[in-house]
Amino acid sequence: PLDRLTFLTRGILPPLGASALWMVTLSPSPAGLEMRAAPVG
């Protein structure tokens, strides 16, 4: 299974503090399961 999940979050813990909305992508790669987060806007 190689599902990819993308969602918006306002995480509480660092580095995704509660101030900004983040776009998080969770996807498998040959190097392992990668989680990428980028601020929205």
Full PDB file with SEQRES, HELIX, SHEET, SSBOND, CRYST1, ORIGX, SCALE, CONECT and MASTER records, all heavy atoms in Angstrom:
SEQRES   1 A   41  PRO LEU ASP ARG LEU THR PHE LEU THR ARG GLY ILE LEU          
SEQRES   2 A   41  PRO PRO LEU GLY ALA SER ALA LEU TRP MET VAL THR LEU          
SEQRES   3 A   41  SER PRO SER PRO ALA GLY LEU GLU MET ARG ALA ALA PRO          
SEQRES   4 A   41  VAL GLY                                                      
SHEET    1 AA1 3 LEU A   5  THR A   9  0                                        
SHEET    2 AA1 3 TRP A  22  SER A  29 -1                                        
SHEET    3 AA1 3 GLY A  32  PRO A  39 -1                                        
CRYST1    1.000    1.000    1.000  90.00  90.00  90.00 P 1           1          
ORIGX1      1.000000  0.000000  0.000000        0.00000                         
ORIGX2      0.000000  1.000000  0.000000        0.00000                         
ORIGX3      0.000000  0.000000  1.000000        0.00000                         
SCALE1      1.000000  0.000000  0.000000        0.00000                         
SCALE2      0.000000  1.000000  0.000000        0.00000                         
SCALE3      0.000000  0.000000  1.000000        0.00000                         
ATOM      1  N   PRO A   1       0.829  -1.208   0.000  1.00  0.00           N  
ATOM      2  CA  PRO A   1       0.000   0.000   0.000  1.00  0.00           C  
ATOM      3  C   PRO A   1       0.865   1.260   0.000  1.00  0.00           C  
ATOM      4  O   PRO A   1       1.806   1.373   0.769  1.00  0.00           O  
ATOM      5  CB  PRO A   1      -0.812  -0.121   1.291  1.00  0.00           C  
ATOM      6  CG  PRO A   1      -0.033  -1.018   2.160  1.00  0.00           C  
ATOM      7  CD  PRO A   1       0.723  -1.944   1.263  1.00  0.00           C  
ATOM      8  N   LEU A   2       0.538   2.183  -0.887  1.00  0.00           N  
ATOM      9  CA  LEU A   2       1.280   3.439  -1.017  1.00  0.00           C  
ATOM     10  C   LEU A   2       0.329   4.632  -0.989  1.00  0.00           C  
ATOM     11  O   LEU A   2       0.403   5.526  -1.831  1.00  0.00           O  
ATOM     12  CB  LEU A   2       2.100   3.450  -2.313  1.00  0.00           C  
ATOM     13  CG  LEU A   2       3.194   2.413  -2.447  1.00  0.00           C  
ATOM     14  CD1 LEU A   2       3.861   2.499  -3.810  1.00  0.00           C  
ATOM     15  CD2 LEU A   2       4.219   2.574  -1.348  1.00  0.00           C  
ATOM     16  N   ASP A   3      -0.578   4.655  -0.024  1.00  0.00           N  
ATOM     17  CA  ASP A   3      -1.542   5.743   0.065  1.00  0.00           C  
ATOM     18  C   ASP A   3      -0.830   7.068   0.328  1.00  0.00           C  
ATOM     19  O   ASP A   3       0.228   7.109   0.955  1.00  0.00           O  
ATOM     20  CB  ASP A   3      -2.544   5.481   1.192  1.00  0.00           C  
ATOM     21  CG  ASP A   3      -3.417   4.270   0.918  1.00  0.00           C  
ATOM     22  OD1 ASP A   3      -3.301   3.683  -0.171  1.00  0.00           O  
ATOM     23  OD2 ASP A   3      -4.208   3.911   1.796  1.00  0.00           O  
ATOM     24  N   ARG A   4      -1.447   8.156  -0.153  1.00  0.00           N  
ATOM     25  CA  ARG A   4      -0.941   9.504   0.110  1.00  0.00           C  
ATOM     26  C   ARG A   4      -2.064  10.297   0.762  1.00  0.00           C  
ATOM     27  O   ARG A   4      -3.200  10.286   0.293  1.00  0.00           O  
ATOM     28  CB  ARG A   4      -0.494  10.181  -1.178  1.00  0.00           C  
ATOM     29  CG  ARG A   4       0.102  11.561  -0.944  1.00  0.00           C  
ATOM     30  CD  ARG A   4       0.681  12.168  -2.204  1.00  0.00           C  
ATOM     31  NE  ARG A   4      -0.157  12.035  -3.367  1.00  0.00           N  
ATOM     32  CZ  ARG A   4      -1.116  12.892  -3.711  1.00  0.00           C  
ATOM     33  NH1 ARG A   4      -1.373  13.935  -2.982  1.00  0.00           N  
ATOM     34  NH2 ARG A   4      -1.829  12.688  -4.805  1.00  0.00           N  
ATOM     35  N   LEU A   5      -1.714  10.977   1.838  1.00  0.00           N  
ATOM     36  CA  LEU A   5      -2.693  11.738   2.604  1.00  0.00           C  
ATOM     37  C   LEU A   5      -2.247  13.195   2.656  1.00  0.00           C  
ATOM     38  O   LEU A   5      -1.084  13.477   2.970  1.00  0.00           O  
ATOM     39  CB  LEU A   5      -2.800  11.174   4.022  1.00  0.00           C  
ATOM     40  CG  LEU A   5      -3.708  11.888   4.999  1.00  0.00           C  
ATOM     41  CD1 LEU A   5      -5.154  11.809   4.542  1.00  0.00           C  
ATOM     42  CD2 LEU A   5      -3.565  11.284   6.392  1.00  0.00           C  
ATOM     43  N   THR A   6      -3.160  14.121   2.336  1.00  0.00           N  
ATOM     44  CA  THR A   6      -2.895  15.550   2.427  1.00  0.00           C  
ATOM     45  C   THR A   6      -4.030  16.168   3.230  1.00  0.00           C  
ATOM     46  O   THR A   6      -5.206  15.892   2.964  1.00  0.00           O  
ATOM     47  CB  THR A   6      -2.835  16.196   1.023  1.00  0.00           C  
ATOM     48  OG1 THR A   6      -1.835  15.521   0.274  1.00  0.00           O  
ATOM     49  CG2 THR A   6      -2.502  17.665   1.108  1.00  0.00           C  
ATOM     50  N   PHE A   7      -3.675  17.004   4.203  1.00  0.00           N  
ATOM     51  CA  PHE A   7      -4.705  17.631   5.033  1.00  0.00           C  
ATOM     52  C   PHE A   7      -4.194  18.948   5.601  1.00  0.00           C  
ATOM     53  O   PHE A   7      -2.988  19.204   5.635  1.00  0.00           O  
ATOM     54  CB  PHE A   7      -5.157  16.694   6.163  1.00  0.00           C  
ATOM     55  CG  PHE A   7      -4.071  16.310   7.119  1.00  0.00           C  
ATOM     56  CD1 PHE A   7      -3.896  16.992   8.312  1.00  0.00           C  
ATOM     57  CD2 PHE A   7      -3.213  15.255   6.832  1.00  0.00           C  
ATOM     58  CE1 PHE A   7      -2.890  16.633   9.193  1.00  0.00           C  
ATOM     59  CE2 PHE A   7      -2.223  14.886   7.709  1.00  0.00           C  
ATOM     60  CZ  PHE A   7      -2.052  15.577   8.905  1.00  0.00           C  
ATOM     61  N   LEU A   8      -5.129  19.781   6.038  1.00  0.00           N  
ATOM     62  CA  LEU A   8      -4.810  21.042   6.688  1.00  0.00           C  
ATOM     63  C   LEU A   8      -4.821  20.836   8.195  1.00  0.00           C  
ATOM     64  O   LEU A   8      -5.618  20.058   8.719  1.00  0.00           O  
ATOM     65  CB  LEU A   8      -5.836  22.115   6.314  1.00  0.00           C  
ATOM     66  CG  LEU A   8      -5.892  22.513   4.845  1.00  0.00           C  
ATOM     67  CD1 LEU A   8      -7.048  23.484   4.609  1.00  0.00           C  
ATOM     68  CD2 LEU A   8      -4.577  23.127   4.412  1.00  0.00           C  
ATOM     69  N   THR A   9      -3.950  21.550   8.881  1.00  0.00           N  
ATOM     70  CA  THR A   9      -3.879  21.417  10.332  1.00  0.00           C  
ATOM     71  C   THR A   9      -3.442  22.719  10.971  1.00  0.00           C  
ATOM     72  O   THR A   9      -2.828  23.573  10.329  1.00  0.00           O  
ATOM     73  CB  THR A   9      -2.915  20.287  10.738  1.00  0.00           C  
ATOM     74  OG1 THR A   9      -2.981  20.095  12.153  1.00  0.00           O  
ATOM     75  CG2 THR A   9      -1.489  20.605  10.352  1.00  0.00           C  
ATOM     76  N   ARG A  10      -3.777  22.837  12.221  1.00  0.00           N  
ATOM     77  CA  ARG A  10      -3.251  23.883  13.090  1.00  0.00           C  
ATOM     78  C   ARG A  10      -2.648  23.159  14.298  1.00  0.00           C  
ATOM     79  O   ARG A  10      -3.206  23.177  15.386  1.00  0.00           O  
ATOM     80  CB  ARG A  10      -4.341  24.839  13.557  1.00  0.00           C  
ATOM     81  CG  ARG A  10      -4.845  25.762  12.496  1.00  0.00           C  
ATOM     82  CD  ARG A  10      -5.697  26.848  13.112  1.00  0.00           C  
ATOM     83  NE  ARG A  10      -6.289  27.688  12.100  1.00  0.00           N  
ATOM     84  CZ  ARG A  10      -5.690  28.742  11.558  1.00  0.00           C  
ATOM     85  NH1 ARG A  10      -4.484  29.068  11.934  1.00  0.00           N  
ATOM     86  NH2 ARG A  10      -6.303  29.460  10.652  1.00  0.00           N  
ATOM     87  N   GLY A  11      -1.541  22.509  14.070  1.00  0.00           N  
ATOM     88  CA  GLY A  11      -0.906  21.751  15.138  1.00  0.00           C  
ATOM     89  C   GLY A  11      -0.610  22.609  16.348  1.00  0.00           C  
ATOM     90  O   GLY A  11      -0.467  23.821  16.250  1.00  0.00           O  
ATOM     91  N   ILE A  12      -0.515  21.983  17.496  1.00  0.00           N  
ATOM     92  CA  ILE A  12      -0.258  22.694  18.742  1.00  0.00           C  
ATOM     93  C   ILE A  12       1.228  22.649  19.101  1.00  0.00           C  
ATOM     94  O   ILE A  12       1.811  23.612  19.550  1.00  0.00           O  
ATOM     95  CB  ILE A  12      -1.099  22.096  19.893  1.00  0.00           C  
ATOM     96  CG1 ILE A  12      -2.591  22.170  19.536  1.00  0.00           C  
ATOM     97  CG2 ILE A  12      -0.810  22.773  21.195  1.00  0.00           C  
ATOM     98  CD1 ILE A  12      -3.126  23.556  19.335  1.00  0.00           C  
ATOM     99  N   LEU A  13       1.853  21.481  18.882  1.00  0.00           N  
ATOM    100  CA  LEU A  13       3.258  21.309  19.253  1.00  0.00           C  
ATOM    101  C   LEU A  13       4.186  21.885  18.190  1.00  0.00           C  
ATOM    102  O   LEU A  13       3.833  21.932  17.021  1.00  0.00           O  
ATOM    103  CB  LEU A  13       3.572  19.808  19.412  1.00  0.00           C  
ATOM    104  CG  LEU A  13       2.806  19.055  20.487  1.00  0.00           C  
ATOM    105  CD1 LEU A  13       3.131  17.580  20.414  1.00  0.00           C  
ATOM    106  CD2 LEU A  13       3.119  19.610  21.859  1.00  0.00           C  
ATOM    107  N   PRO A  14       5.375  22.339  18.587  1.00  0.00           N  
ATOM    108  CA  PRO A  14       6.351  22.752  17.580  1.00  0.00           C  
ATOM    109  C   PRO A  14       6.741  21.558  16.732  1.00  0.00           C  
ATOM    110  O   PRO A  14       6.738  20.445  17.236  1.00  0.00           O  
ATOM    111  CB  PRO A  14       7.548  23.228  18.412  1.00  0.00           C  
ATOM    112  CG  PRO A  14       7.026  23.442  19.786  1.00  0.00           C  
ATOM    113  CD  PRO A  14       5.837  22.547  19.939  1.00  0.00           C  
ATOM    114  N   PRO A  15       7.041  21.696  15.500  1.00  0.00           N  
ATOM    115  CA  PRO A  15       7.207  22.940  14.762  1.00  0.00           C  
ATOM    116  C   PRO A  15       5.919  23.462  14.142  1.00  0.00           C  
ATOM    117  O   PRO A  15       5.917  24.518  13.550  1.00  0.00           O  
ATOM    118  CB  PRO A  15       8.198  22.541  13.669  1.00  0.00           C  
ATOM    119  CG  PRO A  15       7.890  21.112  13.399  1.00  0.00           C  
ATOM    120  CD  PRO A  15       7.479  20.539  14.722  1.00  0.00           C  
ATOM    121  N   LEU A  16       4.820  22.753  14.267  1.00  0.00           N  
ATOM    122  CA  LEU A  16       3.538  23.192  13.690  1.00  0.00           C  
ATOM    123  C   LEU A  16       2.729  23.923  14.744  1.00  0.00           C  
ATOM    124  O   LEU A  16       1.668  23.467  15.152  1.00  0.00           O  
ATOM    125  CB  LEU A  16       2.745  21.995  13.148  1.00  0.00           C  
ATOM    126  CG  LEU A  16       3.448  21.068  12.169  1.00  0.00           C  
ATOM    127  CD1 LEU A  16       2.554  19.923  11.775  1.00  0.00           C  
ATOM    128  CD2 LEU A  16       3.929  21.822  10.963  1.00  0.00           C  
ATOM    129  N   GLY A  17       3.202  25.051  15.194  1.00  0.00           N  
ATOM    130  CA  GLY A  17       2.530  25.798  16.244  1.00  0.00           C  
ATOM    131  C   GLY A  17       1.123  26.203  15.858  1.00  0.00           C  
ATOM    132  O   GLY A  17       0.716  26.100  14.710  1.00  0.00           O  
ATOM    133  N   ALA A  18       0.344  26.702  16.809  1.00  0.00           N  
ATOM    134  CA  ALA A  18      -1.073  26.998  16.608  1.00  0.00           C  
ATOM    135  C   ALA A  18      -1.321  28.284  15.830  1.00  0.00           C  
ATOM    136  O   ALA A  18      -2.456  28.604  15.547  1.00  0.00           O  
ATOM    137  CB  ALA A  18      -1.766  27.085  17.961  1.00  0.00           C  
ATOM    138  N   SER A  19      -0.298  29.015  15.465  1.00  0.00           N  
ATOM    139  CA  SER A  19      -0.527  30.312  14.841  1.00  0.00           C  
ATOM    140  C   SER A  19      -0.900  30.246  13.370  1.00  0.00           C  
ATOM    141  O   SER A  19      -1.678  31.054  12.892  1.00  0.00           O  
ATOM    142  CB  SER A  19       0.720  31.190  15.011  1.00  0.00           C  
ATOM    143  OG  SER A  19       1.826  30.563  14.396  1.00  0.00           O  
ATOM    144  N   ALA A  20      -0.345  29.316  12.633  1.00  0.00           N  
ATOM    145  CA  ALA A  20      -0.578  29.287  11.183  1.00  0.00           C  
ATOM    146  C   ALA A  20      -1.293  28.013  10.769  1.00  0.00           C  
ATOM    147  O   ALA A  20      -1.254  27.003  11.450  1.00  0.00           O  
ATOM    148  CB  ALA A  20       0.755  29.384  10.444  1.00  0.00           C  
ATOM    149  N   LEU A  21      -1.941  28.091   9.615  1.00  0.00           N  
ATOM    150  CA  LEU A  21      -2.562  26.920   9.006  1.00  0.00           C  
ATOM    151  C   LEU A  21      -1.506  26.244   8.147  1.00  0.00           C  
ATOM    152  O   LEU A  21      -0.793  26.899   7.382  1.00  0.00           O  
ATOM    153  CB  LEU A  21      -3.755  27.350   8.154  1.00  0.00           C  
ATOM    154  CG  LEU A  21      -4.652  26.259   7.598  1.00  0.00           C  
ATOM    155  CD1 LEU A  21      -5.306  25.475   8.732  1.00  0.00           C  
ATOM    156  CD2 LEU A  21      -5.726  26.870   6.709  1.00  0.00           C  
ATOM    157  N   TRP A  22      -1.371  24.925   8.284  1.00  0.00           N  
ATOM    158  CA  TRP A  22      -0.342  24.163   7.582  1.00  0.00           C  
ATOM    159  C   TRP A  22      -0.979  23.140   6.657  1.00  0.00           C  
ATOM    160  O   TRP A  22      -2.010  22.548   6.993  1.00  0.00           O  
ATOM    161  CB  TRP A  22       0.531  23.411   8.578  1.00  0.00           C  
ATOM    162  CG  TRP A  22       1.422  24.272   9.396  1.00  0.00           C  
ATOM    163  CD1 TRP A  22       1.070  24.994  10.506  1.00  0.00           C  
ATOM    164  CD2 TRP A  22       2.805  24.503   9.203  1.00  0.00           C  
ATOM    165  NE1 TRP A  22       2.150  25.654  10.999  1.00  0.00           N  
ATOM    166  CE2 TRP A  22       3.238  25.362  10.224  1.00  0.00           C  
ATOM    167  CE3 TRP A  22       3.726  24.066   8.261  1.00  0.00           C  
ATOM    168  CZ2 TRP A  22       4.551  25.797  10.322  1.00  0.00           C  
ATOM    169  CZ3 TRP A  22       5.042  24.490   8.372  1.00  0.00           C  
ATOM    170  CH2 TRP A  22       5.438  25.354   9.384  1.00  0.00           C  
ATOM    171  N   MET A  23      -0.359  22.911   5.513  1.00  0.00           N  
ATOM    172  CA  MET A  23      -0.731  21.839   4.598  1.00  0.00           C  
ATOM    173  C   MET A  23       0.273  20.710   4.845  1.00  0.00           C  
ATOM    174  O   MET A  23       1.474  20.881   4.649  1.00  0.00           O  
ATOM    175  CB  MET A  23      -0.655  22.299   3.144  1.00  0.00           C  
ATOM    176  CG  MET A  23      -0.850  21.195   2.128  1.00  0.00           C  
ATOM    177  SD  MET A  23      -2.561  20.679   1.898  1.00  0.00           S  
ATOM    178  CE  MET A  23      -3.287  22.149   1.238  1.00  0.00           C  
ATOM    179  N   VAL A  24      -0.219  19.566   5.296  1.00  0.00           N  
ATOM    180  CA  VAL A  24       0.634  18.421   5.614  1.00  0.00           C  
ATOM    181  C   VAL A  24       0.379  17.325   4.587  1.00  0.00           C  
ATOM    182  O   VAL A  24      -0.771  17.007   4.285  1.00  0.00           O  
ATOM    183  CB  VAL A  24       0.350  17.894   7.037  1.00  0.00           C  
ATOM    184  CG1 VAL A  24       1.158  16.644   7.328  1.00  0.00           C  
ATOM    185  CG2 VAL A  24       0.635  18.962   8.072  1.00  0.00           C  
ATOM    186  N   THR A  25       1.458  16.753   4.067  1.00  0.00           N  
ATOM    187  CA  THR A  25       1.360  15.636   3.125  1.00  0.00           C  
ATOM    188  C   THR A  25       2.148  14.471   3.688  1.00  0.00           C  
ATOM    189  O   THR A  25       3.310  14.618   4.068  1.00  0.00           O  
ATOM    190  CB  THR A  25       1.914  16.020   1.738  1.00  0.00           C  
ATOM    191  OG1 THR A  25       1.170  17.128   1.255  1.00  0.00           O  
ATOM    192  CG2 THR A  25       1.797  14.859   0.770  1.00  0.00           C  
ATOM    193  N   LEU A  26       1.509  13.335   3.734  1.00  0.00           N  
ATOM    194  CA  LEU A  26       2.111  12.099   4.217  1.00  0.00           C  
ATOM    195  C   LEU A  26       2.141  11.139   3.035  1.00  0.00           C  
ATOM    196  O   LEU A  26       1.088  10.774   2.509  1.00  0.00           O  
ATOM    197  CB  LEU A  26       1.265  11.527   5.352  1.00  0.00           C  
ATOM    198  CG  LEU A  26       1.792  10.319   6.082  1.00  0.00           C  
ATOM    199  CD1 LEU A  26       3.036  10.673   6.861  1.00  0.00           C  
ATOM    200  CD2 LEU A  26       0.742   9.770   7.013  1.00  0.00           C  
ATOM    201  N   SER A  27       3.364  10.756   2.599  1.00  0.00           N  
ATOM    202  CA  SER A  27       3.465   9.870   1.441  1.00  0.00           C  
ATOM    203  C   SER A  27       4.695   8.980   1.556  1.00  0.00           C  
ATOM    204  O   SER A  27       5.734   9.416   2.037  1.00  0.00           O  
ATOM    205  CB  SER A  27       3.533  10.686   0.146  1.00  0.00           C  
ATOM    206  OG  SER A  27       4.677  11.502   0.153  1.00  0.00           O  
ATOM    207  N   PRO A  28       4.563   7.725   1.121  1.00  0.00           N  
ATOM    208  CA  PRO A  28       5.717   6.827   1.140  1.00  0.00           C  
ATOM    209  C   PRO A  28       6.674   7.147  -0.007  1.00  0.00           C  
ATOM    210  O   PRO A  28       6.262   7.640  -1.051  1.00  0.00           O  
ATOM    211  CB  PRO A  28       5.106   5.440   0.986  1.00  0.00           C  
ATOM    212  CG  PRO A  28       3.775   5.672   0.372  1.00  0.00           C  
ATOM    213  CD  PRO A  28       3.349   7.050   0.720  1.00  0.00           C  
ATOM    214  N   SER A  29       7.944   6.876   0.225  1.00  0.00           N  
ATOM    215  CA  SER A  29       8.974   7.051  -0.795  1.00  0.00           C  
ATOM    216  C   SER A  29       9.967   5.902  -0.644  1.00  0.00           C  
ATOM    217  O   SER A  29       9.906   5.158   0.334  1.00  0.00           O  
ATOM    218  CB  SER A  29       9.672   8.398  -0.614  1.00  0.00           C  
ATOM    219  OG  SER A  29      10.524   8.357   0.507  1.00  0.00           O  
ATOM    220  N   PRO A  30      10.891   5.735  -1.568  1.00  0.00           N  
ATOM    221  CA  PRO A  30      11.897   4.675  -1.410  1.00  0.00           C  
ATOM    222  C   PRO A  30      12.741   4.832  -0.147  1.00  0.00           C  
ATOM    223  O   PRO A  30      13.268   3.861   0.378  1.00  0.00           O  
ATOM    224  CB  PRO A  30      12.758   4.816  -2.668  1.00  0.00           C  
ATOM    225  CG  PRO A  30      11.875   5.470  -3.667  1.00  0.00           C  
ATOM    226  CD  PRO A  30      10.971   6.380  -2.890  1.00  0.00           C  
ATOM    227  N   ALA A  31      12.852   6.064   0.367  1.00  0.00           N  
ATOM    228  CA  ALA A  31      13.655   6.300   1.572  1.00  0.00           C  
ATOM    229  C   ALA A  31      12.851   6.118   2.854  1.00  0.00           C  
ATOM    230  O   ALA A  31      13.415   6.149   3.939  1.00  0.00           O  
ATOM    231  CB  ALA A  31      14.236   7.706   1.528  1.00  0.00           C  
ATOM    232  N   GLY A  32      11.549   5.931   2.767  1.00  0.00           N  
ATOM    233  CA  GLY A  32      10.708   5.775   3.957  1.00  0.00           C  
ATOM    234  C   GLY A  32       9.452   6.625   3.841  1.00  0.00           C  
ATOM    235  O   GLY A  32       9.189   7.247   2.810  1.00  0.00           O  
ATOM    236  N   LEU A  33       8.686   6.668   4.903  1.00  0.00           N  
ATOM    237  CA  LEU A  33       7.456   7.453   4.929  1.00  0.00           C  
ATOM    238  C   LEU A  33       7.811   8.907   5.216  1.00  0.00           C  
ATOM    239  O   LEU A  33       8.420   9.211   6.239  1.00  0.00           O  
ATOM    240  CB  LEU A  33       6.506   6.916   5.998  1.00  0.00           C  
ATOM    241  CG  LEU A  33       5.158   7.601   6.113  1.00  0.00           C  
ATOM    242  CD1 LEU A  33       4.349   7.416   4.836  1.00  0.00           C  
ATOM    243  CD2 LEU A  33       4.391   7.069   7.298  1.00  0.00           C  
ATOM    244  N   GLU A  34       7.444   9.802   4.306  1.00  0.00           N  
ATOM    245  CA  GLU A  34       7.793  11.207   4.443  1.00  0.00           C  
ATOM    246  C   GLU A  34       6.588  12.033   4.849  1.00  0.00           C  
ATOM    247  O   GLU A  34       5.495  11.845   4.329  1.00  0.00           O  
ATOM    248  CB  GLU A  34       8.360  11.761   3.131  1.00  0.00           C  
ATOM    249  CG  GLU A  34       9.696  11.176   2.771  1.00  0.00           C  
ATOM    250  CD  GLU A  34      10.289  11.798   1.531  1.00  0.00           C  
ATOM    251  OE1 GLU A  34       9.645  12.661   0.905  1.00  0.00           O  
ATOM    252  OE2 GLU A  34      11.416  11.412   1.196  1.00  0.00           O  
ATOM    253  N   MET A  35       6.822  12.944   5.779  1.00  0.00           N  
ATOM    254  CA  MET A  35       5.816  13.909   6.177  1.00  0.00           C  
ATOM    255  C   MET A  35       6.370  15.292   5.815  1.00  0.00           C  
ATOM    256  O   MET A  35       7.436  15.674   6.286  1.00  0.00           O  
ATOM    257  CB  MET A  35       5.536  13.844   7.668  1.00  0.00           C  
ATOM    258  CG  MET A  35       4.421  14.781   8.093  1.00  0.00           C  
ATOM    259  SD  MET A  35       4.195  14.852   9.868  1.00  0.00           S  
ATOM    260  CE  MET A  35       5.251  16.222  10.254  1.00  0.00           C  
ATOM    261  N   ARG A  36       5.653  15.993   4.954  1.00  0.00           N  
ATOM    262  CA  ARG A  36       6.053  17.339   4.564  1.00  0.00           C  
ATOM    263  C   ARG A  36       4.946  18.290   4.981  1.00  0.00           C  
ATOM    264  O   ARG A  36       3.768  18.026   4.757  1.00  0.00           O  
ATOM    265  CB  ARG A  36       6.287  17.417   3.058  1.00  0.00           C  
ATOM    266  CG  ARG A  36       7.486  16.621   2.599  1.00  0.00           C  
ATOM    267  CD  ARG A  36       7.705  16.721   1.089  1.00  0.00           C  
ATOM    268  NE  ARG A  36       6.576  16.316   0.285  1.00  0.00           N  
ATOM    269  CZ  ARG A  36       6.282  15.050  -0.034  1.00  0.00           C  
ATOM    270  NH1 ARG A  36       7.026  14.077   0.415  1.00  0.00           N  
ATOM    271  NH2 ARG A  36       5.239  14.767  -0.771  1.00  0.00           N  
ATOM    272  N   ALA A  37       5.344  19.406   5.567  1.00  0.00           N  
ATOM    273  CA  ALA A  37       4.378  20.414   5.984  1.00  0.00           C  
ATOM    274  C   ALA A  37       4.851  21.771   5.492  1.00  0.00           C  
ATOM    275  O   ALA A  37       6.035  22.099   5.574  1.00  0.00           O  
ATOM    276  CB  ALA A  37       4.233  20.426   7.500  1.00  0.00           C  
ATOM    277  N   ALA A  38       3.919  22.555   4.972  1.00  0.00           N  
ATOM    278  CA  ALA A  38       4.217  23.900   4.491  1.00  0.00           C  
ATOM    279  C   ALA A  38       3.111  24.836   4.953  1.00  0.00           C  
ATOM    280  O   ALA A  38       1.936  24.458   4.964  1.00  0.00           O  
ATOM    281  CB  ALA A  38       4.318  23.906   2.966  1.00  0.00           C  
ATOM    282  N   PRO A  39       3.461  26.046   5.342  1.00  0.00           N  
ATOM    283  CA  PRO A  39       2.431  26.998   5.767  1.00  0.00           C  
ATOM    284  C   PRO A  39       1.541  27.385   4.588  1.00  0.00           C  
ATOM    285  O   PRO A  39       2.002  27.501   3.463  1.00  0.00           O  
ATOM    286  CB  PRO A  39       3.233  28.194   6.278  1.00  0.00           C  
ATOM    287  CG  PRO A  39       4.600  28.026   5.743  1.00  0.00           C  
ATOM    288  CD  PRO A  39       4.802  26.580   5.432  1.00  0.00           C  
ATOM    289  N   VAL A  40       0.274  27.556   4.861  1.00  0.00           N  
ATOM    290  CA  VAL A  40      -0.702  27.940   3.830  1.00  0.00           C  
ATOM    291  C   VAL A  40      -0.757  29.460   3.780  1.00  0.00           C  
ATOM    292  O   VAL A  40      -0.744  30.129   4.807  1.00  0.00           O  
ATOM    293  CB  VAL A  40      -2.092  27.364   4.158  1.00  0.00           C  
ATOM    294  CG1 VAL A  40      -3.139  27.863   3.178  1.00  0.00           C  
ATOM    295  CG2 VAL A  40      -2.042  25.855   4.158  1.00  0.00           C  
ATOM    296  N   GLY A  41      -0.814  29.999   2.573  1.00  0.00           N  
ATOM    297  CA  GLY A  41      -0.985  31.446   2.429  1.00  0.00           C  
ATOM    298  C   GLY A  41       0.303  32.239   2.522  1.00  0.00           C  
ATOM    299  O   GLY A  41       0.277  33.409   2.876  1.00  0.00           O  
TER     300      GLY A  41                                                      
MASTER        0    0    0    0    3    0    0    6  299    1    0    4          
END                                                                             
